[in-house]
Amino acid sequence: VVIGLIFSLYVLLDKEGLGRRCRTLISTYLPKVSNKIFYAAEVLDESFHSFIVGQCIEAVVLGGLCVLGMWILQFPYAVMIGVFIGFTALIPIAGAYIGAGVGAIMILTVSPFQAFQFLIFILILQQLEGNLIYPKVVGQSIGLPGIWVLTAITIGGGVLGIGGMFLAVPVFAAAYRLIREDMQRRRLVPIVENVEIH
């Protein structure tokens, strides 16, 4: 972890230089496909940027709904637990459950019955958020339909766990966009070739 953090710090400090060197290297050794590689990298960068923005919006929405619901139901530590659940919601799908576990332990110190009620409330809220809000907010921000967001999270989580959930959505979004654009281009090429020039 420490070596990874140090390495990422070096990459961030010299990202422009590294980018230039990578572009030069690819242009030199792969000149025929360099434009396609650069475009794919640009689409992937846009997908990751949009995904992170969408994740942050979704975390704020979930945290706000949690605070509001806890306040209405008169649970203790509403703001503290709601903010914590909002932060843990940055981990796709599973994050809110992690926050719910910590929140339930905090409420348990006040009332075991309220802790049980809180878990039921979070379960319902997480189902609504995970199946309705999350695919809409994150899917719209990255241009990926909701069904594909859920598919990406399921496959990514199954293959690489929590890290896979986080990485799969922007990767799926980039692949979805590149495939869609390639299909549109391939459909237009035969039409243009069949047009007779007079």
C-alpha atoms as a PDB file:
ATOM      1  CA  VAL A   1       0.000   0.000   0.000  1.00  0.00           C
ATOM      2  CA  VAL A   2       2.793   2.429   0.940  1.00  0.00           C
ATOM      3  CA  ILE A   3       4.752   1.677  -2.247  1.00  0.00           C
ATOM      4  CA  GLY A   4       1.540   2.069  -4.264  1.00  0.00           C
ATOM      5  CA  LEU A   5       0.874   5.487  -2.683  1.00  0.00           C
ATOM      6  CA  ILE A   6       4.446   6.646  -3.332  1.00  0.00           C
ATOM      7  CA  PHE A   7       4.274   5.389  -6.921  1.00  0.00           C
ATOM      8  CA  SER A   8       0.938   7.135  -7.533  1.00  0.00           C
ATOM      9  CA  LEU A   9       2.391  10.368  -6.085  1.00  0.00           C
ATOM     10  CA  TYR A  10       5.287  10.210  -8.571  1.00  0.00           C
ATOM     11  CA  VAL A  11       2.839   9.563 -11.427  1.00  0.00           C
ATOM     12  CA  LEU A  12       0.684  12.542 -10.402  1.00  0.00           C
ATOM     13  CA  LEU A  13       3.678  14.862 -10.115  1.00  0.00           C
ATOM     14  CA  ASP A  14       4.902  13.996 -13.620  1.00  0.00           C
ATOM     15  CA  LYS A  15       1.634  13.129 -15.385  1.00  0.00           C
ATOM     16  CA  GLU A  16       2.129  15.636 -18.246  1.00  0.00           C
ATOM     17  CA  GLY A  17       5.654  14.378 -18.961  1.00  0.00           C
ATOM     18  CA  LEU A  18       4.558  10.745 -18.768  1.00  0.00           C
ATOM     19  CA  GLY A  19       1.648  11.486 -21.073  1.00  0.00           C
ATOM     20  CA  ARG A  20       3.938  13.087 -23.658  1.00  0.00           C
ATOM     21  CA  ARG A  21       6.398  10.194 -23.496  1.00  0.00           C
ATOM     22  CA  CYS A  22       3.610   7.596 -23.864  1.00  0.00           C
ATOM     23  CA  ARG A  23       2.159   9.484 -26.832  1.00  0.00           C
ATOM     24  CA  THR A  24       5.592   9.651 -28.498  1.00  0.00           C
ATOM     25  CA  LEU A  25       6.257   5.960 -27.816  1.00  0.00           C
ATOM     26  CA  ILE A  26       2.893   4.853 -29.228  1.00  0.00           C
ATOM     27  CA  SER A  27       3.171   7.189 -32.246  1.00  0.00           C
ATOM     28  CA  THR A  28       6.654   5.859 -33.008  1.00  0.00           C
ATOM     29  CA  TYR A  29       6.072   2.127 -32.617  1.00  0.00           C
ATOM     30  CA  LEU A  30       2.368   1.837 -33.480  1.00  0.00           C
ATOM     31  CA  PRO A  31       1.786   4.590 -36.065  1.00  0.00           C
ATOM     32  CA  LYS A  32      -1.093   2.819 -37.866  1.00  0.00           C
ATOM     33  CA  VAL A  33      -3.257   2.399 -34.763  1.00  0.00           C
ATOM     34  CA  SER A  34      -1.992   5.301 -32.640  1.00  0.00           C
ATOM     35  CA  ASN A  35      -5.040   7.508 -33.317  1.00  0.00           C
ATOM     36  CA  LYS A  36      -7.405   4.687 -32.281  1.00  0.00           C
ATOM     37  CA  ILE A  37      -5.395   4.073 -29.090  1.00  0.00           C
ATOM     38  CA  PHE A  38      -5.404   7.785 -28.218  1.00  0.00           C
ATOM     39  CA  TYR A  39      -9.147   8.027 -28.836  1.00  0.00           C
ATOM     40  CA  ALA A  40      -9.872   4.928 -26.703  1.00  0.00           C
ATOM     41  CA  ALA A  41      -7.719   6.368 -23.900  1.00  0.00           C
ATOM     42  CA  GLU A  42      -9.572   9.688 -24.139  1.00  0.00           C
ATOM     43  CA  VAL A  43     -12.970   7.934 -23.934  1.00  0.00           C
ATOM     44  CA  LEU A  44     -11.764   5.895 -20.936  1.00  0.00           C
ATOM     45  CA  ASP A  45     -10.540   9.080 -19.217  1.00  0.00           C
ATOM     46  CA  GLU A  46     -13.907  10.789 -19.789  1.00  0.00           C
ATOM     47  CA  SER A  47     -15.753   7.722 -18.468  1.00  0.00           C
ATOM     48  CA  PHE A  48     -13.689   7.612 -15.272  1.00  0.00           C
ATOM     49  CA  HIS A  49     -14.135  11.362 -14.728  1.00  0.00           C
ATOM     50  CA  SER A  50     -17.900  11.174 -15.236  1.00  0.00           C
ATOM     51  CA  PHE A  51     -18.143   8.068 -13.046  1.00  0.00           C
ATOM     52  CA  ILE A  52     -16.345   9.735 -10.130  1.00  0.00           C
ATOM     53  CA  VAL A  53     -18.582  12.820 -10.418  1.00  0.00           C
ATOM     54  CA  GLY A  54     -21.678  10.580 -10.572  1.00  0.00           C
ATOM     55  CA  GLN A  55     -20.472   8.538  -7.565  1.00  0.00           C
ATOM     56  CA  CYS A  56     -20.019  11.737  -5.534  1.00  0.00           C
ATOM     57  CA  ILE A  57     -23.507  13.003  -6.466  1.00  0.00           C
ATOM     58  CA  GLU A  58     -25.005   9.616  -5.582  1.00  0.00           C
ATOM     59  CA  ALA A  59     -23.174   9.595  -2.214  1.00  0.00           C
ATOM     60  CA  VAL A  60     -24.553  13.045  -1.365  1.00  0.00           C
ATOM     61  CA  VAL A  61     -28.080  11.955  -2.357  1.00  0.00           C
ATOM     62  CA  LEU A  62     -27.877   8.764  -0.279  1.00  0.00           C
ATOM     63  CA  GLY A  63     -26.380  10.565   2.728  1.00  0.00           C
ATOM     64  CA  GLY A  64     -29.075  13.253   2.530  1.00  0.00           C
ATOM     65  CA  LEU A  65     -31.895  10.711   2.253  1.00  0.00           C
ATOM     66  CA  CYS A  66     -30.432   8.780   5.179  1.00  0.00           C
ATOM     67  CA  VAL A  67     -30.219  11.900   7.394  1.00  0.00           C
ATOM     68  CA  LEU A  68     -33.768  12.914   6.429  1.00  0.00           C
ATOM     69  CA  GLY A  69     -35.204   9.445   7.045  1.00  0.00           C
ATOM     70  CA  MET A  70     -33.374   9.045  10.351  1.00  0.00           C
ATOM     71  CA  TRP A  71     -34.559  12.485  11.466  1.00  0.00           C
ATOM     72  CA  ILE A  72     -38.188  11.655  10.588  1.00  0.00           C
ATOM     73  CA  LEU A  73     -37.980   8.288  12.365  1.00  0.00           C
ATOM     74  CA  GLN A  74     -36.198   9.958  15.320  1.00  0.00           C
ATOM     75  CA  PHE A  75     -33.095   7.767  15.342  1.00  0.00           C
ATOM     76  CA  PRO A  76     -30.098   8.998  17.376  1.00  0.00           C
ATOM     77  CA  TYR A  77     -26.914  10.291  15.663  1.00  0.00           C
ATOM     78  CA  ALA A  78     -28.861  11.026  12.455  1.00  0.00           C
ATOM     79  CA  VAL A  79     -26.430  13.540  10.949  1.00  0.00           C
ATOM     80  CA  MET A  80     -23.264  11.669  11.951  1.00  0.00           C
ATOM     81  CA  ILE A  81     -24.473   8.310  10.630  1.00  0.00           C
ATOM     82  CA  GLY A  82     -25.992   9.861   7.473  1.00  0.00           C
ATOM     83  CA  VAL A  83     -22.718  11.598   6.608  1.00  0.00           C
ATOM     84  CA  PHE A  84     -20.754   8.400   7.304  1.00  0.00           C
ATOM     85  CA  ILE A  85     -23.093   6.364   5.078  1.00  0.00           C
ATOM     86  CA  GLY A  86     -22.692   9.041   2.387  1.00  0.00           C
ATOM     87  CA  PHE A  87     -18.902   8.649   2.526  1.00  0.00           C
ATOM     88  CA  THR A  88     -18.998   4.848   2.481  1.00  0.00           C
ATOM     89  CA  ALA A  89     -21.451   5.006  -0.451  1.00  0.00           C
ATOM     90  CA  LEU A  90     -18.473   6.010  -2.614  1.00  0.00           C
ATOM     91  CA  ILE A  91     -17.826   2.258  -2.673  1.00  0.00           C
ATOM     92  CA  PRO A  92     -20.419   1.071  -5.224  1.00  0.00           C
ATOM     93  CA  ILE A  93     -23.432  -0.895  -3.903  1.00  0.00           C
ATOM     94  CA  ALA A  94     -21.664  -2.445  -0.843  1.00  0.00           C
ATOM     95  CA  GLY A  95     -20.479   0.829   0.715  1.00  0.00           C
ATOM     96  CA  ALA A  96     -23.786   1.809   2.260  1.00  0.00           C
ATOM     97  CA  TYR A  97     -24.033  -1.601   3.954  1.00  0.00           C
ATOM     98  CA  ILE A  98     -20.627  -1.036   5.553  1.00  0.00           C
ATOM     99  CA  GLY A  99     -21.867   2.341   6.816  1.00  0.00           C
ATOM    100  CA  ALA A 100     -25.091   0.705   8.005  1.00  0.00           C
ATOM    101  CA  GLY A 101     -23.143  -1.792  10.117  1.00  0.00           C
ATOM    102  CA  VAL A 102     -21.215   0.971  11.861  1.00  0.00           C
ATOM    103  CA  GLY A 103     -24.403   3.037  12.282  1.00  0.00           C
ATOM    104  CA  ALA A 104     -26.262   0.083  13.796  1.00  0.00           C
ATOM    105  CA  ILE A 105     -23.465  -0.436  16.332  1.00  0.00           C
ATOM    106  CA  MET A 106     -23.644   3.256  17.300  1.00  0.00           C
ATOM    107  CA  ILE A 107     -27.440   3.149  17.729  1.00  0.00           C
ATOM    108  CA  LEU A 108     -27.132  -0.143  19.622  1.00  0.00           C
ATOM    109  CA  THR A 109     -25.447   1.774  22.456  1.00  0.00           C
ATOM    110  CA  VAL A 110     -28.683   3.772  22.850  1.00  0.00           C
ATOM    111  CA  SER A 111     -31.425   1.250  22.009  1.00  0.00           C
ATOM    112  CA  PRO A 112     -31.184  -2.307  20.597  1.00  0.00           C
ATOM    113  CA  PHE A 113     -34.740  -2.030  19.209  1.00  0.00           C
ATOM    114  CA  GLN A 114     -33.913   1.216  17.353  1.00  0.00           C
ATOM    115  CA  ALA A 115     -30.755  -0.436  15.979  1.00  0.00           C
ATOM    116  CA  PHE A 116     -32.946  -3.198  14.528  1.00  0.00           C
ATOM    117  CA  GLN A 117     -35.376  -0.613  13.091  1.00  0.00           C
ATOM    118  CA  PHE A 118     -32.416   1.298  11.644  1.00  0.00           C
ATOM    119  CA  LEU A 119     -31.164  -1.820   9.836  1.00  0.00           C
ATOM    120  CA  ILE A 120     -34.605  -2.355   8.275  1.00  0.00           C
ATOM    121  CA  PHE A 121     -34.713   1.333   7.248  1.00  0.00           C
ATOM    122  CA  ILE A 122     -31.232   1.124   5.653  1.00  0.00           C
ATOM    123  CA  LEU A 123     -32.122  -2.119   3.883  1.00  0.00           C
ATOM    124  CA  ILE A 124     -35.177  -0.480   2.289  1.00  0.00           C
ATOM    125  CA  LEU A 125     -33.284   2.750   1.512  1.00  0.00           C
ATOM    126  CA  GLN A 126     -30.371   0.821  -0.022  1.00  0.00           C
ATOM    127  CA  GLN A 127     -32.705  -1.248  -2.214  1.00  0.00           C
ATOM    128  CA  LEU A 128     -34.388   1.930  -3.512  1.00  0.00           C
ATOM    129  CA  GLU A 129     -31.068   3.684  -3.995  1.00  0.00           C
ATOM    130  CA  GLY A 130     -29.232   0.711  -5.519  1.00  0.00           C
ATOM    131  CA  ASN A 131     -31.967  -0.212  -7.991  1.00  0.00           C
ATOM    132  CA  LEU A 132     -33.485   3.184  -8.865  1.00  0.00           C
ATOM    133  CA  ILE A 133     -31.284   6.153  -7.939  1.00  0.00           C
ATOM    134  CA  TYR A 134     -27.796   4.699  -8.517  1.00  0.00           C
ATOM    135  CA  PRO A 135     -28.310   3.388 -12.078  1.00  0.00           C
ATOM    136  CA  LYS A 136     -30.061   6.639 -13.062  1.00  0.00           C
ATOM    137  CA  VAL A 137     -27.537   9.080 -11.534  1.00  0.00           C
ATOM    138  CA  VAL A 138     -24.349   7.190 -12.393  1.00  0.00           C
ATOM    139  CA  GLY A 139     -25.733   5.794 -15.660  1.00  0.00           C
ATOM    140  CA  GLN A 140     -26.727   9.249 -16.925  1.00  0.00           C
ATOM    141  CA  SER A 141     -23.420  10.816 -15.864  1.00  0.00           C
ATOM    142  CA  ILE A 142     -21.399   8.267 -17.853  1.00  0.00           C
ATOM    143  CA  GLY A 143     -23.890   7.627 -20.672  1.00  0.00           C
ATOM    144  CA  LEU A 144     -24.469   3.977 -19.747  1.00  0.00           C
ATOM    145  CA  PRO A 145     -28.011   2.558 -19.485  1.00  0.00           C
ATOM    146  CA  GLY A 146     -29.039   1.488 -15.970  1.00  0.00           C
ATOM    147  CA  ILE A 147     -29.169  -2.228 -16.821  1.00  0.00           C
ATOM    148  CA  TRP A 148     -25.531  -2.106 -17.945  1.00  0.00           C
ATOM    149  CA  VAL A 149     -24.495  -0.294 -14.748  1.00  0.00           C
ATOM    150  CA  LEU A 150     -25.984  -3.146 -12.698  1.00  0.00           C
ATOM    151  CA  THR A 151     -24.366  -5.705 -15.023  1.00  0.00           C
ATOM    152  CA  ALA A 152     -20.958  -4.016 -14.712  1.00  0.00           C
ATOM    153  CA  ILE A 153     -21.185  -3.906 -10.917  1.00  0.00           C
ATOM    154  CA  THR A 154     -22.237  -7.557 -10.719  1.00  0.00           C
ATOM    155  CA  ILE A 155     -19.471  -8.798 -13.033  1.00  0.00           C
ATOM    156  CA  GLY A 156     -16.808  -6.481 -11.581  1.00  0.00           C
ATOM    157  CA  GLY A 157     -17.687  -7.452  -8.020  1.00  0.00           C
ATOM    158  CA  GLY A 158     -17.673 -11.144  -8.900  1.00  0.00           C
ATOM    159  CA  VAL A 159     -14.267 -10.948 -10.585  1.00  0.00           C
ATOM    160  CA  LEU A 160     -12.328  -8.418  -8.462  1.00  0.00           C
ATOM    161  CA  GLY A 161     -14.473  -7.697  -5.391  1.00  0.00           C
ATOM    162  CA  ILE A 162     -15.000  -4.095  -4.246  1.00  0.00           C
ATOM    163  CA  GLY A 163     -12.201  -2.798  -6.488  1.00  0.00           C
ATOM    164  CA  GLY A 164     -13.840  -4.529  -9.437  1.00  0.00           C
ATOM    165  CA  MET A 165     -17.162  -2.832  -8.656  1.00  0.00           C
ATOM    166  CA  PHE A 166     -15.443   0.541  -8.728  1.00  0.00           C
ATOM    167  CA  LEU A 167     -13.488  -0.098 -11.946  1.00  0.00           C
ATOM    168  CA  ALA A 168     -16.082  -2.051 -13.942  1.00  0.00           C
ATOM    169  CA  VAL A 169     -18.605   0.762 -14.457  1.00  0.00           C
ATOM    170  CA  PRO A 170     -16.293   3.264 -16.217  1.00  0.00           C
ATOM    171  CA  VAL A 171     -14.630   0.460 -18.202  1.00  0.00           C
ATOM    172  CA  PHE A 172     -18.059  -0.815 -19.342  1.00  0.00           C
ATOM    173  CA  ALA A 173     -19.086   2.771 -20.172  1.00  0.00           C
ATOM    174  CA  ALA A 174     -15.989   3.322 -22.309  1.00  0.00           C
ATOM    175  CA  ALA A 175     -16.439  -0.038 -24.082  1.00  0.00           C
ATOM    176  CA  TYR A 176     -20.160   0.690 -24.621  1.00  0.00           C
ATOM    177  CA  ARG A 177     -19.393   4.056 -26.216  1.00  0.00           C
ATOM    178  CA  LEU A 178     -16.570   2.743 -28.420  1.00  0.00           C
ATOM    179  CA  ILE A 179     -18.642  -0.220 -29.638  1.00  0.00           C
ATOM    180  CA  ARG A 180     -21.703   1.983 -30.280  1.00  0.00           C
ATOM    181  CA  GLU A 181     -19.632   4.484 -32.307  1.00  0.00           C
ATOM    182  CA  ASP A 182     -17.929   1.673 -34.258  1.00  0.00           C
ATOM    183  CA  MET A 183     -21.312   0.106 -35.106  1.00  0.00           C
ATOM    184  CA  GLN A 184     -22.683   3.459 -36.289  1.00  0.00           C
ATOM    185  CA  ARG A 185     -19.596   4.025 -38.440  1.00  0.00           C
ATOM    186  CA  ARG A 186     -19.817   0.527 -39.955  1.00  0.00           C
ATOM    187  CA  ARG A 187     -23.510   1.035 -40.804  1.00  0.00           C
ATOM    188  CA  LEU A 188     -22.721   4.303 -42.630  1.00  0.00           C
ATOM    189  CA  VAL A 189     -19.785   2.959 -44.687  1.00  0.00           C
ATOM    190  CA  PRO A 190     -21.830   0.605 -46.969  1.00  0.00           C
ATOM    191  CA  ILE A 191     -24.384   3.379 -47.591  1.00  0.00           C
ATOM    192  CA  VAL A 192     -21.655   5.788 -48.691  1.00  0.00           C
ATOM    193  CA  GLU A 193     -19.993   3.120 -50.885  1.00  0.00           C
ATOM    194  CA  ASN A 194     -23.288   2.368 -52.695  1.00  0.00           C
ATOM    195  CA  VAL A 195     -23.864   5.998 -53.666  1.00  0.00           C
ATOM    196  CA  GLU A 196     -23.068   6.492 -57.342  1.00  0.00           C
ATOM    197  CA  ILE A 197     -20.988   9.531 -58.218  1.00  0.00           C
ATOM    198  CA  HIS A 198     -22.278  11.326 -61.350  1.00  0.00           C
END
